[in-house]
Amino acid sequence: MPQPESERRRRRSNPEYRAARKRLAPYEGIARFVIMRRAELGLTQEKLAERMGTSHSAISRIESGQHHTSVATLERLAEALEVRFVMGFETGPREAPARELVSL
């Protein structure tokens, strides 16, 4: 059941909620990418898990966008999704918006 607009506004104004959203944003970006790419390849979560040598529940956790994913897992995920994994550092203010974590 959708939440009323007043509830969504109240939640967005809560500093703890905003901090949690900011903390989870990179994981949500990865989740969206994985879901999109998996669909492009016509893979189920089970088939992707098989390609990675992991469990269906591990793929489900990644796609939820709510959990930390290790670099080793991201590397295996990239291979299974037939994409290149890119990781790096940038100079500049830490407050600057993060760039995409996963690139085709």
N, C-alpha and C. Protein backbone atom coordinates (compact mmCIF):
# COMPACT_ATOMS: atom_id res chain seq x y z
N MET A 1 0.84 -1.19 0.00
CA MET A 1 0.00 0.00 0.00
C MET A 1 0.89 1.25 0.00
N PRO A 2 0.72 2.16 -0.96
CA PRO A 2 1.54 3.37 -1.04
C PRO A 2 1.37 4.24 0.20
N GLN A 3 2.45 4.93 0.56
CA GLN A 3 2.39 5.82 1.71
C GLN A 3 1.83 7.17 1.29
N PRO A 4 1.11 7.81 2.18
CA PRO A 4 0.62 9.16 1.87
C PRO A 4 1.80 10.13 1.71
N GLU A 5 1.58 11.17 0.92
CA GLU A 5 2.63 12.16 0.67
C GLU A 5 3.14 12.77 1.97
N SER A 6 2.28 13.01 2.94
CA SER A 6 2.70 13.61 4.21
C SER A 6 3.71 12.71 4.93
N GLU A 7 3.50 11.41 4.86
CA GLU A 7 4.43 10.46 5.49
C GLU A 7 5.78 10.49 4.78
N ARG A 8 5.76 10.54 3.46
CA ARG A 8 7.02 10.59 2.69
C ARG A 8 7.77 11.88 2.99
N ARG A 9 7.07 13.01 3.08
CA ARG A 9 7.71 14.28 3.40
C ARG A 9 8.32 14.25 4.79
N ARG A 10 7.58 13.72 5.76
CA ARG A 10 8.09 13.64 7.13
C ARG A 10 9.34 12.78 7.18
N ARG A 11 9.32 11.68 6.47
CA ARG A 11 10.48 10.78 6.45
C ARG A 11 11.69 11.47 5.82
N ARG A 12 11.49 12.15 4.70
CA ARG A 12 12.59 12.84 4.01
C ARG A 12 13.19 13.95 4.87
N SER A 13 12.40 14.54 5.75
CA SER A 13 12.91 15.62 6.59
C SER A 13 13.64 15.09 7.83
N ASN A 14 13.56 13.80 8.08
CA ASN A 14 14.23 13.19 9.23
C ASN A 14 15.72 13.04 8.93
N PRO A 15 16.61 13.63 9.76
CA PRO A 15 18.05 13.57 9.50
C PRO A 15 18.59 12.13 9.48
N GLU A 16 18.06 11.27 10.32
CA GLU A 16 18.52 9.88 10.33
C GLU A 16 18.16 9.17 9.02
N TYR A 17 16.97 9.44 8.53
CA TYR A 17 16.53 8.85 7.26
C TYR A 17 17.42 9.34 6.12
N ARG A 18 17.68 10.65 6.09
CA ARG A 18 18.54 11.21 5.03
C ARG A 18 19.94 10.63 5.10
N ALA A 19 20.47 10.45 6.31
CA ALA A 19 21.81 9.88 6.46
C ALA A 19 21.84 8.43 5.97
N ALA A 20 20.80 7.67 6.28
CA ALA A 20 20.73 6.28 5.82
C ALA A 20 20.63 6.21 4.31
N ARG A 21 19.82 7.09 3.70
CA ARG A 21 19.70 7.13 2.23
C ARG A 21 21.03 7.45 1.59
N LYS A 22 21.76 8.39 2.17
CA LYS A 22 23.07 8.78 1.63
C LYS A 22 24.04 7.61 1.73
N ARG A 23 24.02 6.91 2.86
CA ARG A 23 24.91 5.77 3.08
C ARG A 23 24.60 4.63 2.12
N LEU A 24 23.33 4.41 1.81
CA LEU A 24 22.92 3.30 0.96
C LEU A 24 22.94 3.63 -0.54
N ALA A 25 23.08 4.88 -0.90
CA ALA A 25 23.01 5.28 -2.31
C ALA A 25 23.94 4.49 -3.22
N PRO A 26 25.21 4.27 -2.85
CA PRO A 26 26.07 3.48 -3.75
C PRO A 26 25.56 2.06 -3.96
N TYR A 27 25.05 1.44 -2.91
CA TYR A 27 24.56 0.07 -3.01
C TYR A 27 23.29 0.00 -3.86
N GLU A 28 22.47 1.04 -3.76
CA GLU A 28 21.25 1.09 -4.58
C GLU A 28 21.61 1.26 -6.05
N GLY A 29 22.66 2.03 -6.33
CA GLY A 29 23.12 2.19 -7.70
C GLY A 29 23.61 0.87 -8.28
N ILE A 30 24.35 0.13 -7.48
CA ILE A 30 24.83 -1.19 -7.91
C ILE A 30 23.64 -2.10 -8.15
N ALA A 31 22.68 -2.08 -7.24
CA ALA A 31 21.49 -2.93 -7.38
C ALA A 31 20.76 -2.65 -8.68
N ARG A 32 20.53 -1.37 -8.98
CA ARG A 32 19.83 -1.02 -10.22
C ARG A 32 20.60 -1.52 -11.44
N PHE A 33 21.93 -1.35 -11.41
CA PHE A 33 22.74 -1.80 -12.54
C PHE A 33 22.65 -3.32 -12.70
N VAL A 34 22.78 -4.06 -11.60
CA VAL A 34 22.74 -5.53 -11.66
C VAL A 34 21.40 -6.01 -12.20
N ILE A 35 20.32 -5.45 -11.71
CA ILE A 35 18.98 -5.84 -12.18
C ILE A 35 18.84 -5.57 -13.67
N MET A 36 19.26 -4.38 -14.10
CA MET A 36 19.15 -4.01 -15.51
C MET A 36 20.00 -4.95 -16.39
N ARG A 37 21.24 -5.16 -16.01
CA ARG A 37 22.14 -5.98 -16.82
C ARG A 37 21.69 -7.44 -16.84
N ARG A 38 21.26 -7.94 -15.70
CA ARG A 38 20.77 -9.31 -15.63
C ARG A 38 19.59 -9.50 -16.58
N ALA A 39 18.69 -8.51 -16.61
CA ALA A 39 17.53 -8.57 -17.51
C ALA A 39 17.99 -8.53 -18.98
N GLU A 40 18.97 -7.66 -19.28
CA GLU A 40 19.50 -7.59 -20.65
C GLU A 40 20.05 -8.94 -21.12
N LEU A 41 20.68 -9.66 -20.20
CA LEU A 41 21.27 -10.96 -20.53
C LEU A 41 20.25 -12.09 -20.45
N GLY A 42 19.04 -11.79 -19.98
CA GLY A 42 18.01 -12.81 -19.86
C GLY A 42 18.31 -13.83 -18.78
N LEU A 43 18.97 -13.38 -17.70
CA LEU A 43 19.34 -14.27 -16.61
C LEU A 43 18.38 -14.15 -15.44
N THR A 44 18.09 -15.26 -14.82
CA THR A 44 17.36 -15.25 -13.55
C THR A 44 18.39 -15.01 -12.45
N GLN A 45 17.91 -14.70 -11.25
CA GLN A 45 18.83 -14.58 -10.11
C GLN A 45 19.56 -15.90 -9.89
N GLU A 46 18.86 -17.01 -10.08
CA GLU A 46 19.46 -18.33 -9.87
C GLU A 46 20.59 -18.58 -10.87
N LYS A 47 20.38 -18.20 -12.14
CA LYS A 47 21.40 -18.41 -13.17
C LYS A 47 22.60 -17.52 -12.92
N LEU A 48 22.36 -16.27 -12.52
CA LEU A 48 23.46 -15.37 -12.19
C LEU A 48 24.26 -15.92 -11.02
N ALA A 49 23.56 -16.41 -10.01
CA ALA A 49 24.23 -17.00 -8.84
C ALA A 49 25.10 -18.18 -9.27
N GLU A 50 24.59 -19.00 -10.17
CA GLU A 50 25.34 -20.15 -10.67
C GLU A 50 26.60 -19.69 -11.38
N ARG A 51 26.49 -18.65 -12.21
CA ARG A 51 27.65 -18.11 -12.92
C ARG A 51 28.71 -17.60 -11.95
N MET A 52 28.26 -17.07 -10.81
CA MET A 52 29.19 -16.50 -9.83
C MET A 52 29.69 -17.52 -8.83
N GLY A 53 29.05 -18.67 -8.78
CA GLY A 53 29.41 -19.65 -7.75
C GLY A 53 28.95 -19.23 -6.37
N THR A 54 27.76 -18.65 -6.32
CA THR A 54 27.21 -18.19 -5.04
C THR A 54 25.75 -18.63 -4.95
N SER A 55 25.06 -18.14 -3.95
CA SER A 55 23.67 -18.54 -3.74
C SER A 55 22.70 -17.51 -4.31
N HIS A 56 21.48 -17.97 -4.56
CA HIS A 56 20.40 -17.09 -5.00
C HIS A 56 20.18 -15.99 -3.97
N SER A 57 20.27 -16.32 -2.69
CA SER A 57 20.02 -15.31 -1.65
C SER A 57 21.10 -14.22 -1.67
N ALA A 58 22.33 -14.55 -2.07
CA ALA A 58 23.38 -13.53 -2.17
C ALA A 58 23.04 -12.54 -3.28
N ILE A 59 22.52 -13.04 -4.40
CA ILE A 59 22.11 -12.15 -5.49
C ILE A 59 20.93 -11.29 -5.04
N SER A 60 20.01 -11.87 -4.34
CA SER A 60 18.86 -11.14 -3.83
C SER A 60 19.30 -10.01 -2.91
N ARG A 61 20.28 -10.27 -2.05
CA ARG A 61 20.79 -9.23 -1.14
C ARG A 61 21.43 -8.09 -1.94
N ILE A 62 22.24 -8.43 -2.96
CA ILE A 62 22.86 -7.40 -3.78
C ILE A 62 21.79 -6.55 -4.46
N GLU A 63 20.80 -7.21 -5.02
CA GLU A 63 19.75 -6.50 -5.75
C GLU A 63 18.81 -5.72 -4.84
N SER A 64 18.84 -5.97 -3.55
CA SER A 64 18.01 -5.18 -2.63
C SER A 64 18.58 -3.78 -2.44
N GLY A 65 19.88 -3.61 -2.70
CA GLY A 65 20.51 -2.30 -2.52
C GLY A 65 20.67 -1.88 -1.08
N GLN A 66 20.58 -2.83 -0.17
CA GLN A 66 20.63 -2.51 1.26
C GLN A 66 21.86 -3.07 1.97
N HIS A 67 22.78 -3.68 1.21
CA HIS A 67 23.89 -4.39 1.84
C HIS A 67 25.22 -4.06 1.19
N HIS A 68 26.27 -4.05 2.01
CA HIS A 68 27.64 -3.88 1.54
C HIS A 68 28.01 -5.06 0.65
N THR A 69 28.72 -4.78 -0.43
CA THR A 69 29.19 -5.83 -1.33
C THR A 69 30.69 -5.70 -1.45
N SER A 70 31.42 -6.77 -1.18
CA SER A 70 32.88 -6.72 -1.19
C SER A 70 33.41 -6.52 -2.61
N VAL A 71 34.65 -6.06 -2.70
CA VAL A 71 35.30 -5.88 -4.00
C VAL A 71 35.42 -7.22 -4.71
N ALA A 72 35.76 -8.27 -3.99
CA ALA A 72 35.88 -9.60 -4.60
C ALA A 72 34.54 -10.03 -5.22
N THR A 73 33.46 -9.76 -4.52
CA THR A 73 32.14 -10.12 -5.04
C THR A 73 31.80 -9.28 -6.26
N LEU A 74 32.14 -7.98 -6.22
CA LEU A 74 31.88 -7.12 -7.37
C LEU A 74 32.67 -7.58 -8.59
N GLU A 75 33.89 -8.05 -8.38
CA GLU A 75 34.71 -8.57 -9.49
C GLU A 75 34.05 -9.80 -10.10
N ARG A 76 33.59 -10.72 -9.26
CA ARG A 76 32.92 -11.92 -9.77
C ARG A 76 31.60 -11.56 -10.44
N LEU A 77 30.91 -10.59 -9.89
CA LEU A 77 29.65 -10.12 -10.45
C LEU A 77 29.88 -9.54 -11.85
N ALA A 78 30.90 -8.71 -12.00
CA ALA A 78 31.22 -8.12 -13.30
C ALA A 78 31.50 -9.20 -14.34
N GLU A 79 32.27 -10.20 -13.95
CA GLU A 79 32.57 -11.29 -14.87
C GLU A 79 31.29 -12.03 -15.28
N ALA A 80 30.45 -12.31 -14.31
CA ALA A 80 29.21 -13.04 -14.58
C ALA A 80 28.26 -12.23 -15.44
N LEU A 81 28.31 -10.90 -15.31
CA LEU A 81 27.44 -10.02 -16.08
C LEU A 81 28.08 -9.57 -17.40
N GLU A 82 29.28 -10.06 -17.65
CA GLU A 82 30.00 -9.76 -18.90
C GLU A 82 30.26 -8.28 -19.08
N VAL A 83 30.70 -7.64 -17.99
CA VAL A 83 31.08 -6.23 -18.01
C VAL A 83 32.44 -6.08 -17.35
N ARG A 84 33.02 -4.91 -17.52
CA ARG A 84 34.31 -4.60 -16.92
C ARG A 84 34.07 -3.93 -15.57
N PHE A 85 34.78 -4.37 -14.53
CA PHE A 85 34.68 -3.75 -13.21
C PHE A 85 35.73 -2.65 -13.12
N VAL A 86 35.30 -1.44 -12.75
CA VAL A 86 36.19 -0.30 -12.66
C VAL A 86 36.09 0.28 -11.25
N MET A 87 37.26 0.48 -10.64
CA MET A 87 37.29 1.05 -9.29
C MET A 87 38.45 2.03 -9.24
N GLY A 88 38.28 3.13 -8.56
CA GLY A 88 39.36 4.10 -8.51
C GLY A 88 39.16 5.17 -7.47
N PHE A 89 40.04 6.14 -7.50
CA PHE A 89 40.02 7.27 -6.59
C PHE A 89 40.02 8.55 -7.39
N GLU A 90 39.48 9.62 -6.81
CA GLU A 90 39.48 10.94 -7.42
C GLU A 90 40.00 11.94 -6.42
N THR A 91 40.62 12.99 -6.92
CA THR A 91 40.98 14.10 -6.05
C THR A 91 39.82 15.08 -6.07
N GLY A 92 39.75 15.93 -5.09
CA GLY A 92 38.68 16.92 -5.04
C GLY A 92 37.93 16.81 -3.74
N PRO A 93 36.96 17.68 -3.55
CA PRO A 93 36.21 17.68 -2.29
C PRO A 93 35.45 16.38 -2.09
N ARG A 94 35.50 15.90 -0.88
CA ARG A 94 34.81 14.65 -0.55
C ARG A 94 33.30 14.79 -0.67
N GLU A 95 32.81 16.02 -0.57
CA GLU A 95 31.37 16.24 -0.64
C GLU A 95 30.85 16.21 -2.07
N ALA A 96 31.75 16.19 -3.05
CA ALA A 96 31.31 16.18 -4.45
C ALA A 96 30.49 14.94 -4.71
N PRO A 97 29.50 15.03 -5.59
CA PRO A 97 28.67 13.85 -5.88
C PRO A 97 29.51 12.69 -6.39
N ALA A 98 29.17 11.50 -5.94
CA ALA A 98 29.90 10.30 -6.35
C ALA A 98 29.61 10.03 -7.82
N ARG A 99 30.59 9.51 -8.49
CA ARG A 99 30.42 9.10 -9.89
C ARG A 99 29.87 7.67 -9.90
N GLU A 100 29.45 7.21 -11.04
CA GLU A 100 28.94 5.85 -11.16
C GLU A 100 29.99 4.86 -10.67
N LEU A 101 29.58 3.87 -9.91
CA LEU A 101 30.49 2.86 -9.39
C LEU A 101 30.74 1.76 -10.40
N VAL A 102 29.83 1.54 -11.28
CA VAL A 102 29.94 0.46 -12.25
C VAL A 102 29.83 1.05 -13.63
N SER A 103 30.70 0.66 -14.51
CA SER A 103 30.71 1.21 -15.85
C SER A 103 30.72 0.10 -16.88
N LEU A 104 30.05 0.33 -17.98
CA LEU A 104 30.08 -0.62 -19.09
C LEU A 104 31.27 -0.35 -19.96
